[in-house]
Amino acid sequence: MELEKCTDFTPGACSAGFGLENRLPEVHYWISQGCATQPKVSNVEVFQENWWKWWKGLQPTWQTVSEVEGPLDQSYC
């Protein structure tokens, strides 16, 4: 709860925590299905590239990951 207070988390907000900017259609589908149905991914390489772009955009600015090329490794945990 302390973390949520520090980050201005709003319980019940539409897509709280899952930003819309660069969100993949597959993620939208997954959320709209209550996370119960896996979406079809036709091109895994494109999905992976776009996933990391979206995921990095969700991170707080102090995380400094937006300019990192490719997947994040354990050094960003």
C-alpha atoms as a PDB file:
ATOM      1  CA  MET A   1       0.000   0.000   0.000  1.00  0.00           C
ATOM      2  CA  GLU A   2       2.878   2.352   0.704  1.00  0.00           C
ATOM      3  CA  LEU A   3       4.221   1.846  -2.828  1.00  0.00           C
ATOM      4  CA  GLU A   4       0.782   2.504  -4.283  1.00  0.00           C
ATOM      5  CA  LYS A   5       0.520   5.747  -2.287  1.00  0.00           C
ATOM      6  CA  CYS A   6       3.938   6.893  -3.502  1.00  0.00           C
ATOM      7  CA  THR A   7       3.048   6.223  -7.129  1.00  0.00           C
ATOM      8  CA  ASP A   8      -0.463   7.730  -7.041  1.00  0.00           C
ATOM      9  CA  PHE A   9      -2.026   4.373  -7.879  1.00  0.00           C
ATOM     10  CA  THR A  10      -5.773   4.730  -8.309  1.00  0.00           C
ATOM     11  CA  PRO A  11      -7.656   1.546  -7.406  1.00  0.00           C
ATOM     12  CA  GLY A  12     -10.330   0.663  -9.922  1.00  0.00           C
ATOM     13  CA  ALA A  13      -9.049   3.085 -12.534  1.00  0.00           C
ATOM     14  CA  CYS A  14      -9.470   1.941 -16.098  1.00  0.00           C
ATOM     15  CA  SER A  15      -6.352  -0.038 -17.051  1.00  0.00           C
ATOM     16  CA  ALA A  16      -4.585   1.065 -13.878  1.00  0.00           C
ATOM     17  CA  GLY A  17      -0.993   0.003 -14.257  1.00  0.00           C
ATOM     18  CA  PHE A  18      -1.357  -1.040 -17.891  1.00  0.00           C
ATOM     19  CA  GLY A  19      -0.750   2.094 -19.945  1.00  0.00           C
ATOM     20  CA  LEU A  20      -2.489   2.510 -23.273  1.00  0.00           C
ATOM     21  CA  GLU A  21       0.420   4.087 -25.140  1.00  0.00           C
ATOM     22  CA  ASN A  22       1.956   1.457 -27.435  1.00  0.00           C
ATOM     23  CA  ARG A  23      -0.231  -1.272 -25.870  1.00  0.00           C
ATOM     24  CA  LEU A  24      -0.301  -4.326 -28.082  1.00  0.00           C
ATOM     25  CA  PRO A  25      -3.633  -5.572 -29.451  1.00  0.00           C
ATOM     26  CA  GLU A  26      -2.812  -8.953 -27.948  1.00  0.00           C
ATOM     27  CA  VAL A  27      -2.495  -7.402 -24.482  1.00  0.00           C
ATOM     28  CA  HIS A  28      -5.770  -5.548 -24.970  1.00  0.00           C
ATOM     29  CA  TYR A  29      -7.444  -8.824 -25.959  1.00  0.00           C
ATOM     30  CA  TRP A  30      -5.940 -10.656 -22.981  1.00  0.00           C
ATOM     31  CA  ILE A  31      -7.157  -8.001 -20.524  1.00  0.00           C
ATOM     32  CA  SER A  32     -10.601  -7.798 -22.146  1.00  0.00           C
ATOM     33  CA  GLN A  33     -10.951 -11.562 -21.685  1.00  0.00           C
ATOM     34  CA  GLY A  34     -10.232 -11.289 -17.972  1.00  0.00           C
ATOM     35  CA  CYS A  35      -6.708 -12.667 -18.479  1.00  0.00           C
ATOM     36  CA  ALA A  36      -8.301 -16.090 -18.977  1.00  0.00           C
ATOM     37  CA  THR A  37      -7.724 -16.590 -22.706  1.00  0.00           C
ATOM     38  CA  GLN A  38      -4.367 -16.415 -24.416  1.00  0.00           C
ATOM     39  CA  PRO A  39      -4.237 -14.242 -27.532  1.00  0.00           C
ATOM     40  CA  LYS A  40      -2.892 -15.547 -30.819  1.00  0.00           C
ATOM     41  CA  VAL A  41       0.524 -14.155 -31.673  1.00  0.00           C
ATOM     42  CA  SER A  42       1.147 -14.449 -35.393  1.00  0.00           C
ATOM     43  CA  ASN A  43       4.699 -13.066 -35.432  1.00  0.00           C
ATOM     44  CA  VAL A  44       6.605 -13.692 -32.203  1.00  0.00           C
ATOM     45  CA  GLU A  45       9.606 -11.521 -33.156  1.00  0.00           C
ATOM     46  CA  VAL A  46       7.437  -8.469 -33.886  1.00  0.00           C
ATOM     47  CA  PHE A  47       5.389  -9.136 -30.752  1.00  0.00           C
ATOM     48  CA  GLN A  48       8.559  -9.315 -28.627  1.00  0.00           C
ATOM     49  CA  GLU A  49       9.910  -6.052 -30.026  1.00  0.00           C
ATOM     50  CA  ASN A  50       6.611  -4.247 -29.485  1.00  0.00           C
ATOM     51  CA  TRP A  51       6.147  -5.820 -26.030  1.00  0.00           C
ATOM     52  CA  TRP A  52       9.422  -4.390 -24.783  1.00  0.00           C
ATOM     53  CA  LYS A  53       8.597  -0.975 -26.241  1.00  0.00           C
ATOM     54  CA  TRP A  54       5.270  -0.973 -24.379  1.00  0.00           C
ATOM     55  CA  TRP A  55       6.728  -2.441 -21.178  1.00  0.00           C
ATOM     56  CA  LYS A  56       9.556   0.100 -21.024  1.00  0.00           C
ATOM     57  CA  GLY A  57       7.016   2.871 -21.484  1.00  0.00           C
ATOM     58  CA  LEU A  58       5.213   1.689 -18.339  1.00  0.00           C
ATOM     59  CA  GLN A  59       8.290   2.036 -16.163  1.00  0.00           C
ATOM     60  CA  PRO A  60       8.865   5.120 -13.987  1.00  0.00           C
ATOM     61  CA  THR A  61      11.345   7.638 -15.381  1.00  0.00           C
ATOM     62  CA  TRP A  62      13.879   6.934 -12.626  1.00  0.00           C
ATOM     63  CA  GLN A  63      14.157   3.392 -13.990  1.00  0.00           C
ATOM     64  CA  THR A  64      15.908   4.856 -17.092  1.00  0.00           C
ATOM     65  CA  VAL A  65      15.021   1.971 -19.397  1.00  0.00           C
ATOM     66  CA  SER A  66      13.237   3.779 -22.234  1.00  0.00           C
ATOM     67  CA  GLU A  67      16.405   4.065 -24.322  1.00  0.00           C
ATOM     68  CA  VAL A  68      17.627   0.499 -23.720  1.00  0.00           C
ATOM     69  CA  GLU A  69      17.681  -1.536 -26.929  1.00  0.00           C
ATOM     70  CA  GLY A  70      16.012  -4.951 -26.808  1.00  0.00           C
ATOM     71  CA  PRO A  71      14.923  -6.935 -23.751  1.00  0.00           C
ATOM     72  CA  LEU A  72      15.829  -5.868 -20.240  1.00  0.00           C
ATOM     73  CA  ASP A  73      18.120  -8.135 -18.279  1.00  0.00           C
ATOM     74  CA  GLN A  74      18.399  -8.774 -14.540  1.00  0.00           C
ATOM     75  CA  SER A  75      20.412  -5.596 -13.976  1.00  0.00           C
ATOM     76  CA  TYR A  76      17.143  -3.643 -14.285  1.00  0.00           C
ATOM     77  CA  CYS A  77      15.329  -5.538 -11.499  1.00  0.00           C
END
